[in-house]
Amino acid sequence: MEKSVIVRNVSKRYKLYGRKLERLKDLLIPRKSYGKEFFALRDVSFEAEKGDIIGFVGVNGSGKSTLSNIIAGVIPETSGEVTVNGQAALIAVNIGLDRKLSGRENIELKLLMLGFNKKEISELEEEIIEFSELGEFIDQPVKSYSSGMKSRLGFSISVNVDPDILIIDEALSVGDKAFAEKSLAKMMEFKEAGKTMFFVSHSIGQMRSFCEKALWLEFGEVKMFGQAGEVLDEYEAFLDNYKNMTKKEKKKFQKKAAKKRSKRQKHS
């Protein structure tokens, strides 16, 4: 089948600084490295075929949102390669919205950036506003919106521009149940149309009913990738154990994972 997204050995490295002075020194003294390196992703590889619906799972801090942002082109990878065949749209609260502009102005700006002309923008604008159900709030600045309202606006823009690849990062976890159900129905239309989708959610139930494949990330590395049922069964078993850990046990588990990453880094 035709490949929609190919992720090859992708890593994302950040620098963590204890003090602002360390950041400044790191910029001014290139021969010496300041700060601590942190890998949000390490050597991640997988392929998505056209029409795949892939869920990203993992505890907080595992790199799900980082991977979503890289696939969407919001942030660059540090190393590795990502091939995206088609237009990708990321739906995540606060992503791609200008807080100073109104909802209507954000719609117009986003469509303009995507290459739509004035006539097309005029036609799409009303469809987006109607789908968002924001009513008179559409002409208020986004900074006054609740998380649910921002999610509605972002989702409405993204699904109505008809992207080839849709990336939903926890966007359905905020707002009311009725809109979430409406959004899932729209996503089912995309599924029937054979579009590729990536789905990030803490709802295992949503994952099971919607996703065909799943990628389990554990502290930035691929733990498991395959059929959704198999991966989610393993992940839920892990999650039951992880939730029952004390804070001390969780820290120990995280330190153990960090040591593994550090050893791999030294040998790479």
C-alpha atoms as a PDB file:
ATOM      1  CA  MET A   1       0.000   0.000   0.000  1.00  0.00           C
ATOM      2  CA  GLU A   2       0.966   3.645  -0.475  1.00  0.00           C
ATOM      3  CA  LYS A   3       2.959   5.118   2.421  1.00  0.00           C
ATOM      4  CA  SER A   4       1.435   8.226   3.954  1.00  0.00           C
ATOM      5  CA  VAL A   5       4.005   8.997   6.672  1.00  0.00           C
ATOM      6  CA  ILE A   6       7.473   7.510   7.126  1.00  0.00           C
ATOM      7  CA  VAL A   7       9.380   8.212  10.349  1.00  0.00           C
ATOM      8  CA  ARG A   8      13.000   7.067  10.298  1.00  0.00           C
ATOM      9  CA  ASN A   9      15.273   7.134  13.383  1.00  0.00           C
ATOM     10  CA  VAL A  10      13.814  10.409  14.627  1.00  0.00           C
ATOM     11  CA  SER A  11      15.223  12.000  17.765  1.00  0.00           C
ATOM     12  CA  LYS A  12      14.380  15.325  19.387  1.00  0.00           C
ATOM     13  CA  ARG A  13      16.907  16.836  21.780  1.00  0.00           C
ATOM     14  CA  TYR A  14      16.380  19.813  24.059  1.00  0.00           C
ATOM     15  CA  LYS A  15      18.714  21.627  26.411  1.00  0.00           C
ATOM     16  CA  LEU A  16      17.614  22.088  30.025  1.00  0.00           C
ATOM     17  CA  TYR A  17      19.180  24.972  31.927  1.00  0.00           C
ATOM     18  CA  GLY A  18      19.255  25.393  35.683  1.00  0.00           C
ATOM     19  CA  ARG A  19      19.829  29.150  35.384  1.00  0.00           C
ATOM     20  CA  LYS A  20      19.286  31.815  32.711  1.00  0.00           C
ATOM     21  CA  LEU A  21      23.043  32.516  32.761  1.00  0.00           C
ATOM     22  CA  GLU A  22      23.733  28.971  31.527  1.00  0.00           C
ATOM     23  CA  ARG A  23      21.517  29.565  28.473  1.00  0.00           C
ATOM     24  CA  LEU A  24      23.378  32.805  27.698  1.00  0.00           C
ATOM     25  CA  LYS A  25      26.785  31.141  28.102  1.00  0.00           C
ATOM     26  CA  ASP A  26      25.688  28.319  25.800  1.00  0.00           C
ATOM     27  CA  LEU A  27      24.918  30.887  23.090  1.00  0.00           C
ATOM     28  CA  LEU A  28      28.067  32.982  23.573  1.00  0.00           C
ATOM     29  CA  ILE A  29      30.633  30.203  24.164  1.00  0.00           C
ATOM     30  CA  PRO A  30      30.047  27.576  21.417  1.00  0.00           C
ATOM     31  CA  ARG A  31      33.189  25.574  22.221  1.00  0.00           C
ATOM     32  CA  LYS A  32      31.848  24.667  25.661  1.00  0.00           C
ATOM     33  CA  SER A  33      28.454  23.083  26.316  1.00  0.00           C
ATOM     34  CA  TYR A  34      26.257  24.355  29.128  1.00  0.00           C
ATOM     35  CA  GLY A  35      22.991  22.911  30.349  1.00  0.00           C
ATOM     36  CA  LYS A  36      21.770  19.336  30.393  1.00  0.00           C
ATOM     37  CA  GLU A  37      20.681  17.478  27.259  1.00  0.00           C
ATOM     38  CA  PHE A  38      17.225  15.932  27.303  1.00  0.00           C
ATOM     39  CA  PHE A  39      15.850  13.641  24.601  1.00  0.00           C
ATOM     40  CA  ALA A  40      12.078  13.963  24.214  1.00  0.00           C
ATOM     41  CA  LEU A  41      12.325  11.333  21.457  1.00  0.00           C
ATOM     42  CA  ARG A  42      15.058   8.812  20.791  1.00  0.00           C
ATOM     43  CA  ASP A  43      15.466   6.865  17.532  1.00  0.00           C
ATOM     44  CA  VAL A  44      11.737   6.576  16.749  1.00  0.00           C
ATOM     45  CA  SER A  45      10.816   4.689  13.550  1.00  0.00           C
ATOM     46  CA  PHE A  46       7.486   3.550  12.090  1.00  0.00           C
ATOM     47  CA  GLU A  47       5.449   3.788   8.898  1.00  0.00           C
ATOM     48  CA  ALA A  48       1.826   4.746   8.292  1.00  0.00           C
ATOM     49  CA  GLU A  49       0.016   3.577   5.189  1.00  0.00           C
ATOM     50  CA  LYS A  50      -2.634   5.673   3.499  1.00  0.00           C
ATOM     51  CA  GLY A  51      -5.888   5.214   5.426  1.00  0.00           C
ATOM     52  CA  ASP A  52      -4.199   4.093   8.665  1.00  0.00           C
ATOM     53  CA  ILE A  53      -5.616   5.334  11.961  1.00  0.00           C
ATOM     54  CA  ILE A  54      -2.849   5.175  14.545  1.00  0.00           C
ATOM     55  CA  GLY A  55      -3.189   5.921  18.250  1.00  0.00           C
ATOM     56  CA  PHE A  56      -0.229   7.279  20.234  1.00  0.00           C
ATOM     57  CA  VAL A  57      -0.187   6.024  23.841  1.00  0.00           C
ATOM     58  CA  GLY A  58       2.181   6.456  26.755  1.00  0.00           C
ATOM     59  CA  VAL A  59       2.276   8.084  30.185  1.00  0.00           C
ATOM     60  CA  ASN A  60       2.805  11.858  30.442  1.00  0.00           C
ATOM     61  CA  GLY A  61       6.265  12.858  29.251  1.00  0.00           C
ATOM     62  CA  SER A  62       6.631   9.969  26.807  1.00  0.00           C
ATOM     63  CA  GLY A  63       6.916  12.194  23.721  1.00  0.00           C
ATOM     64  CA  LYS A  64       3.451  11.789  22.153  1.00  0.00           C
ATOM     65  CA  SER A  65       2.880  15.522  21.591  1.00  0.00           C
ATOM     66  CA  THR A  66       6.478  16.049  20.456  1.00  0.00           C
ATOM     67  CA  LEU A  67       6.056  13.357  17.793  1.00  0.00           C
ATOM     68  CA  SER A  68       2.682  14.833  16.752  1.00  0.00           C
ATOM     69  CA  ASN A  69       4.261  18.280  16.345  1.00  0.00           C
ATOM     70  CA  ILE A  70       7.151  16.902  14.279  1.00  0.00           C
ATOM     71  CA  ILE A  71       4.833  15.022  11.900  1.00  0.00           C
ATOM     72  CA  ALA A  72       2.715  18.176  11.532  1.00  0.00           C
ATOM     73  CA  GLY A  73       5.811  20.263  10.768  1.00  0.00           C
ATOM     74  CA  VAL A  74       5.323  22.521  13.798  1.00  0.00           C
ATOM     75  CA  ILE A  75       8.783  21.730  15.211  1.00  0.00           C
ATOM     76  CA  PRO A  76      11.829  20.165  13.505  1.00  0.00           C
ATOM     77  CA  GLU A  77      13.441  16.873  14.467  1.00  0.00           C
ATOM     78  CA  THR A  78      17.023  17.024  15.801  1.00  0.00           C
ATOM     79  CA  SER A  79      18.052  13.991  13.770  1.00  0.00           C
ATOM     80  CA  GLY A  80      16.426  11.374  11.585  1.00  0.00           C
ATOM     81  CA  GLU A  81      13.956  11.905   8.771  1.00  0.00           C
ATOM     82  CA  VAL A  82      10.187  12.370   8.422  1.00  0.00           C
ATOM     83  CA  THR A  83       8.441  11.973   5.059  1.00  0.00           C
ATOM     84  CA  VAL A  84       4.849  13.241   4.880  1.00  0.00           C
ATOM     85  CA  ASN A  85       2.975  12.589   1.633  1.00  0.00           C
ATOM     86  CA  GLY A  86       0.182  15.151   1.637  1.00  0.00           C
ATOM     87  CA  GLN A  87      -1.083  18.093   3.667  1.00  0.00           C
ATOM     88  CA  ALA A  88      -1.089  17.520   7.429  1.00  0.00           C
ATOM     89  CA  ALA A  89      -3.288  19.329   9.950  1.00  0.00           C
ATOM     90  CA  LEU A  90      -2.676  19.291  13.700  1.00  0.00           C
ATOM     91  CA  ILE A  91      -5.572  19.764  16.094  1.00  0.00           C
ATOM     92  CA  ALA A  92      -4.407  20.629  19.597  1.00  0.00           C
ATOM     93  CA  VAL A  93      -5.565  23.233  22.097  1.00  0.00           C
ATOM     94  CA  ASN A  94      -3.697  26.549  21.554  1.00  0.00           C
ATOM     95  CA  ILE A  95      -1.724  25.258  18.554  1.00  0.00           C
ATOM     96  CA  GLY A  96      -1.797  27.627  15.581  1.00  0.00           C
ATOM     97  CA  LEU A  97      -4.128  30.211  17.149  1.00  0.00           C
ATOM     98  CA  ASP A  98      -3.208  33.871  17.655  1.00  0.00           C
ATOM     99  CA  ARG A  99      -4.592  34.848  21.067  1.00  0.00           C
ATOM    100  CA  LYS A 100      -4.823  38.545  20.163  1.00  0.00           C
ATOM    101  CA  LEU A 101      -7.013  37.929  17.112  1.00  0.00           C
ATOM    102  CA  SER A 102     -10.696  37.036  17.103  1.00  0.00           C
ATOM    103  CA  GLY A 103     -11.914  33.571  16.141  1.00  0.00           C
ATOM    104  CA  ARG A 104     -13.030  34.878  12.730  1.00  0.00           C
ATOM    105  CA  GLU A 105      -9.660  36.559  12.118  1.00  0.00           C
ATOM    106  CA  ASN A 106      -7.869  33.329  13.062  1.00  0.00           C
ATOM    107  CA  ILE A 107      -9.957  31.418  10.520  1.00  0.00           C
ATOM    108  CA  GLU A 108      -9.137  33.922   7.769  1.00  0.00           C
ATOM    109  CA  LEU A 109      -5.421  33.989   8.656  1.00  0.00           C
ATOM    110  CA  LYS A 110      -5.142  30.185   8.779  1.00  0.00           C
ATOM    111  CA  LEU A 111      -6.915  29.749   5.421  1.00  0.00           C
ATOM    112  CA  LEU A 112      -4.784  32.482   3.848  1.00  0.00           C
ATOM    113  CA  MET A 113      -1.616  30.730   5.050  1.00  0.00           C
ATOM    114  CA  LEU A 114      -2.889  27.478   3.523  1.00  0.00           C
ATOM    115  CA  GLY A 115      -3.212  29.149   0.119  1.00  0.00           C
ATOM    116  CA  PHE A 116      -6.968  29.667  -0.148  1.00  0.00           C
ATOM    117  CA  ASN A 117      -8.170  32.700  -2.149  1.00  0.00           C
ATOM    118  CA  LYS A 118     -10.713  35.284  -0.918  1.00  0.00           C
ATOM    119  CA  LYS A 119     -13.692  33.559  -2.531  1.00  0.00           C
ATOM    120  CA  GLU A 120     -12.740  30.157  -1.065  1.00  0.00           C
ATOM    121  CA  ILE A 121     -12.147  31.722   2.367  1.00  0.00           C
ATOM    122  CA  SER A 122     -15.571  33.384   2.259  1.00  0.00           C
ATOM    123  CA  GLU A 123     -17.250  30.059   1.412  1.00  0.00           C
ATOM    124  CA  LEU A 124     -15.357  28.034   4.031  1.00  0.00           C
ATOM    125  CA  GLU A 125     -15.609  30.626   6.796  1.00  0.00           C
ATOM    126  CA  GLU A 126     -19.342  30.175   7.387  1.00  0.00           C
ATOM    127  CA  GLU A 127     -19.035  26.359   7.349  1.00  0.00           C
ATOM    128  CA  ILE A 128     -16.262  26.541   9.961  1.00  0.00           C
ATOM    129  CA  ILE A 129     -18.181  28.967  12.186  1.00  0.00           C
ATOM    130  CA  GLU A 130     -21.334  26.854  11.973  1.00  0.00           C
ATOM    131  CA  PHE A 131     -19.457  23.649  12.829  1.00  0.00           C
ATOM    132  CA  SER A 132     -17.666  25.302  15.778  1.00  0.00           C
ATOM    133  CA  GLU A 133     -20.966  26.419  17.369  1.00  0.00           C
ATOM    134  CA  LEU A 134     -19.151  29.445  18.822  1.00  0.00           C
ATOM    135  CA  GLY A 135     -21.947  31.857  17.903  1.00  0.00           C
ATOM    136  CA  GLU A 136     -21.267  35.488  18.843  1.00  0.00           C
ATOM    137  CA  PHE A 137     -17.960  34.507  20.470  1.00  0.00           C
ATOM    138  CA  ILE A 138     -16.444  34.096  16.981  1.00  0.00           C
ATOM    139  CA  ASP A 139     -15.743  37.854  16.925  1.00  0.00           C
ATOM    140  CA  GLN A 140     -14.184  37.918  20.409  1.00  0.00           C
ATOM    141  CA  PRO A 141     -10.390  37.612  20.921  1.00  0.00           C
ATOM    142  CA  VAL A 142      -9.194  34.025  21.355  1.00  0.00           C
ATOM    143  CA  LYS A 143      -7.466  34.999  24.628  1.00  0.00           C
ATOM    144  CA  SER A 144     -10.961  35.188  26.158  1.00  0.00           C
ATOM    145  CA  TYR A 145     -11.835  31.628  25.046  1.00  0.00           C
ATOM    146  CA  SER A 146     -11.974  28.623  27.339  1.00  0.00           C
ATOM    147  CA  SER A 147      -9.891  25.540  26.474  1.00  0.00           C
ATOM    148  CA  GLY A 148     -13.018  23.886  25.063  1.00  0.00           C
ATOM    149  CA  MET A 149     -13.762  26.869  22.806  1.00  0.00           C
ATOM    150  CA  LYS A 150     -10.188  26.920  21.486  1.00  0.00           C
ATOM    151  CA  SER A 151     -10.450  23.205  20.787  1.00  0.00           C
ATOM    152  CA  ARG A 152     -13.733  23.733  18.908  1.00  0.00           C
ATOM    153  CA  LEU A 153     -12.215  26.456  16.753  1.00  0.00           C
ATOM    154  CA  GLY A 154      -9.034  24.500  15.984  1.00  0.00           C
ATOM    155  CA  PHE A 155     -10.943  21.319  15.185  1.00  0.00           C
ATOM    156  CA  SER A 156     -13.475  23.156  12.989  1.00  0.00           C
ATOM    157  CA  ILE A 157     -10.762  24.846  10.930  1.00  0.00           C
ATOM    158  CA  SER A 158      -8.719  21.680  10.472  1.00  0.00           C
ATOM    159  CA  VAL A 159     -11.512  19.311   9.424  1.00  0.00           C
ATOM    160  CA  ASN A 160     -13.085  21.793   7.022  1.00  0.00           C
ATOM    161  CA  VAL A 161      -9.862  22.404   5.045  1.00  0.00           C
ATOM    162  CA  ASP A 162      -9.998  18.672   4.219  1.00  0.00           C
ATOM    163  CA  PRO A 163      -6.380  17.638   4.965  1.00  0.00           C
ATOM    164  CA  ASP A 164      -4.804  14.385   3.763  1.00  0.00           C
ATOM    165  CA  ILE A 165      -3.395  13.666   7.227  1.00  0.00           C
ATOM    166  CA  LEU A 166      -5.134  14.596  10.462  1.00  0.00           C
ATOM    167  CA  ILE A 167      -3.345  14.660  13.825  1.00  0.00           C
ATOM    168  CA  ILE A 168      -5.601  15.003  16.880  1.00  0.00           C
ATOM    169  CA  ASP A 169      -3.670  15.681  20.096  1.00  0.00           C
ATOM    170  CA  GLU A 170      -6.000  15.524  23.124  1.00  0.00           C
ATOM    171  CA  ALA A 171      -8.321  18.003  21.364  1.00  0.00           C
ATOM    172  CA  LEU A 172     -11.416  15.962  22.246  1.00  0.00           C
ATOM    173  CA  SER A 173     -10.575  15.754  25.950  1.00  0.00           C
ATOM    174  CA  VAL A 174     -11.780  19.317  26.586  1.00  0.00           C
ATOM    175  CA  GLY A 175     -15.216  20.812  26.014  1.00  0.00           C
ATOM    176  CA  ASP A 176     -18.659  19.265  26.137  1.00  0.00           C
ATOM    177  CA  LYS A 177     -19.618  15.684  25.342  1.00  0.00           C
ATOM    178  CA  ALA A 178     -21.992  16.650  22.506  1.00  0.00           C
ATOM    179  CA  PHE A 179     -19.255  18.407  20.537  1.00  0.00           C
ATOM    180  CA  ALA A 180     -16.824  15.530  21.174  1.00  0.00           C
ATOM    181  CA  GLU A 181     -19.376  13.098  19.710  1.00  0.00           C
ATOM    182  CA  LYS A 182     -19.937  15.406  16.743  1.00  0.00           C
ATOM    183  CA  SER A 183     -16.167  15.587  16.203  1.00  0.00           C
ATOM    184  CA  LEU A 184     -15.801  11.793  16.386  1.00  0.00           C
ATOM    185  CA  ALA A 185     -18.576  11.471  13.775  1.00  0.00           C
ATOM    186  CA  LYS A 186     -16.630  13.822  11.497  1.00  0.00           C
ATOM    187  CA  MET A 187     -13.507  11.759  12.042  1.00  0.00           C
ATOM    188  CA  MET A 188     -15.450   8.634  11.076  1.00  0.00           C
ATOM    189  CA  GLU A 189     -16.268  10.365   7.767  1.00  0.00           C
ATOM    190  CA  PHE A 190     -12.538  10.910   7.274  1.00  0.00           C
ATOM    191  CA  LYS A 191     -11.920   7.261   8.135  1.00  0.00           C
ATOM    192  CA  GLU A 192     -14.420   6.141   5.473  1.00  0.00           C
ATOM    193  CA  ALA A 193     -12.741   8.504   2.997  1.00  0.00           C
ATOM    194  CA  GLY A 194      -9.430   6.668   3.567  1.00  0.00           C
ATOM    195  CA  LYS A 195      -7.541   9.555   5.183  1.00  0.00           C
ATOM    196  CA  THR A 196      -4.584   8.943   7.482  1.00  0.00           C
ATOM    197  CA  MET A 197      -5.118   9.931  11.112  1.00  0.00           C
ATOM    198  CA  PHE A 198      -3.034  10.019  14.270  1.00  0.00           C
ATOM    199  CA  PHE A 199      -4.920  10.099  17.540  1.00  0.00           C
ATOM    200  CA  VAL A 200      -3.503  11.100  20.945  1.00  0.00           C
ATOM    201  CA  SER A 201      -5.865  10.523  23.850  1.00  0.00           C
ATOM    202  CA  HIS A 202      -5.887   9.241  27.420  1.00  0.00           C
ATOM    203  CA  SER A 203      -9.188   7.505  26.652  1.00  0.00           C
ATOM    204  CA  ILE A 204      -8.358   3.866  25.942  1.00  0.00           C
ATOM    205  CA  GLY A 205     -12.039   3.352  25.077  1.00  0.00           C
ATOM    206  CA  GLN A 206     -11.843   5.941  22.277  1.00  0.00           C
ATOM    207  CA  MET A 207      -8.614   4.339  21.084  1.00  0.00           C
ATOM    208  CA  ARG A 208     -10.163   0.870  20.914  1.00  0.00           C
ATOM    209  CA  SER A 209     -13.250   2.030  19.029  1.00  0.00           C
ATOM    210  CA  PHE A 210     -11.440   4.301  16.607  1.00  0.00           C
ATOM    211  CA  CYS A 211      -7.825   3.204  16.006  1.00  0.00           C
ATOM    212  CA  GLU A 212      -6.602   0.287  13.908  1.00  0.00           C
ATOM    213  CA  LYS A 213      -2.955   0.501  14.973  1.00  0.00           C
ATOM    214  CA  ALA A 214      -1.176   1.896  18.033  1.00  0.00           C
ATOM    215  CA  LEU A 215       2.291   3.217  18.830  1.00  0.00           C
ATOM    216  CA  TRP A 216       3.337   2.930  22.476  1.00  0.00           C
ATOM    217  CA  LEU A 217       6.012   5.417  23.494  1.00  0.00           C
ATOM    218  CA  GLU A 218       7.850   4.966  26.769  1.00  0.00           C
ATOM    219  CA  PHE A 219       9.902   8.003  27.755  1.00  0.00           C
ATOM    220  CA  GLY A 220      10.684   8.941  24.173  1.00  0.00           C
ATOM    221  CA  GLU A 221      11.334   5.475  22.748  1.00  0.00           C
ATOM    222  CA  VAL A 222       9.147   3.007  20.867  1.00  0.00           C
ATOM    223  CA  LYS A 223       8.008   0.309  23.279  1.00  0.00           C
ATOM    224  CA  MET A 224       5.577  -1.383  20.874  1.00  0.00           C
ATOM    225  CA  PHE A 225       3.936  -0.795  17.491  1.00  0.00           C
ATOM    226  CA  GLY A 226       1.270  -2.933  15.861  1.00  0.00           C
ATOM    227  CA  GLN A 227      -2.420  -3.775  15.818  1.00  0.00           C
ATOM    228  CA  ALA A 228      -4.357  -1.546  18.243  1.00  0.00           C
ATOM    229  CA  GLY A 229      -5.919  -4.396  20.237  1.00  0.00           C
ATOM    230  CA  GLU A 230      -2.597  -6.097  20.944  1.00  0.00           C
ATOM    231  CA  VAL A 231      -0.730  -2.898  21.833  1.00  0.00           C
ATOM    232  CA  LEU A 232      -3.550  -1.522  24.005  1.00  0.00           C
ATOM    233  CA  ASP A 233      -3.867  -4.798  25.914  1.00  0.00           C
ATOM    234  CA  GLU A 234      -0.167  -4.640  26.797  1.00  0.00           C
ATOM    235  CA  TYR A 235      -0.321  -0.917  27.563  1.00  0.00           C
ATOM    236  CA  GLU A 236      -3.348  -1.268  29.846  1.00  0.00           C
ATOM    237  CA  ALA A 237      -1.621  -4.058  31.771  1.00  0.00           C
ATOM    238  CA  PHE A 238       1.402  -1.784  32.226  1.00  0.00           C
ATOM    239  CA  LEU A 239      -0.832   1.164  33.150  1.00  0.00           C
ATOM    240  CA  ASP A 240      -2.612  -0.797  35.882  1.00  0.00           C
ATOM    241  CA  ASN A 241       0.760  -1.568  37.440  1.00  0.00           C
ATOM    242  CA  TYR A 242       2.096   1.993  36.916  1.00  0.00           C
ATOM    243  CA  LYS A 243      -0.960   3.635  38.530  1.00  0.00           C
ATOM    244  CA  ASN A 244      -0.520   1.470  41.635  1.00  0.00           C
ATOM    245  CA  MET A 245       3.099   2.565  42.062  1.00  0.00           C
ATOM    246  CA  THR A 246       3.973   5.000  44.843  1.00  0.00           C
ATOM    247  CA  LYS A 247       5.624   8.317  43.922  1.00  0.00           C
ATOM    248  CA  LYS A 248       8.940   6.838  45.013  1.00  0.00           C
ATOM    249  CA  GLU A 249       8.457   3.764  42.797  1.00  0.00           C
ATOM    250  CA  LYS A 250       7.488   5.933  39.812  1.00  0.00           C
ATOM    251  CA  LYS A 251      10.630   8.046  40.261  1.00  0.00           C
ATOM    252  CA  LYS A 252      12.721   4.874  40.427  1.00  0.00           C
ATOM    253  CA  PHE A 253      11.083   3.584  37.240  1.00  0.00           C
ATOM    254  CA  GLN A 254      11.729   6.910  35.474  1.00  0.00           C
ATOM    255  CA  LYS A 255      15.364   6.998  36.627  1.00  0.00           C
ATOM    256  CA  LYS A 256      15.878   3.458  35.336  1.00  0.00           C
ATOM    257  CA  ALA A 257      14.473   4.483  31.934  1.00  0.00           C
ATOM    258  CA  ALA A 258      16.712   7.591  31.933  1.00  0.00           C
ATOM    259  CA  LYS A 259      19.799   5.444  32.618  1.00  0.00           C
ATOM    260  CA  LYS A 260      18.921   3.196  29.673  1.00  0.00           C
ATOM    261  CA  ARG A 261      18.632   6.244  27.414  1.00  0.00           C
ATOM    262  CA  SER A 262      21.931   7.599  28.710  1.00  0.00           C
ATOM    263  CA  LYS A 263      23.733   4.315  27.971  1.00  0.00           C
ATOM    264  CA  ARG A 264      22.326   4.239  24.441  1.00  0.00           C
ATOM    265  CA  GLN A 265      23.399   7.870  23.961  1.00  0.00           C
ATOM    266  CA  LYS A 266      26.998   7.071  24.971  1.00  0.00           C
ATOM    267  CA  HIS A 267      27.163   4.106  22.585  1.00  0.00           C
ATOM    268  CA  SER A 268      25.552   5.946  19.655  1.00  0.00           C
END
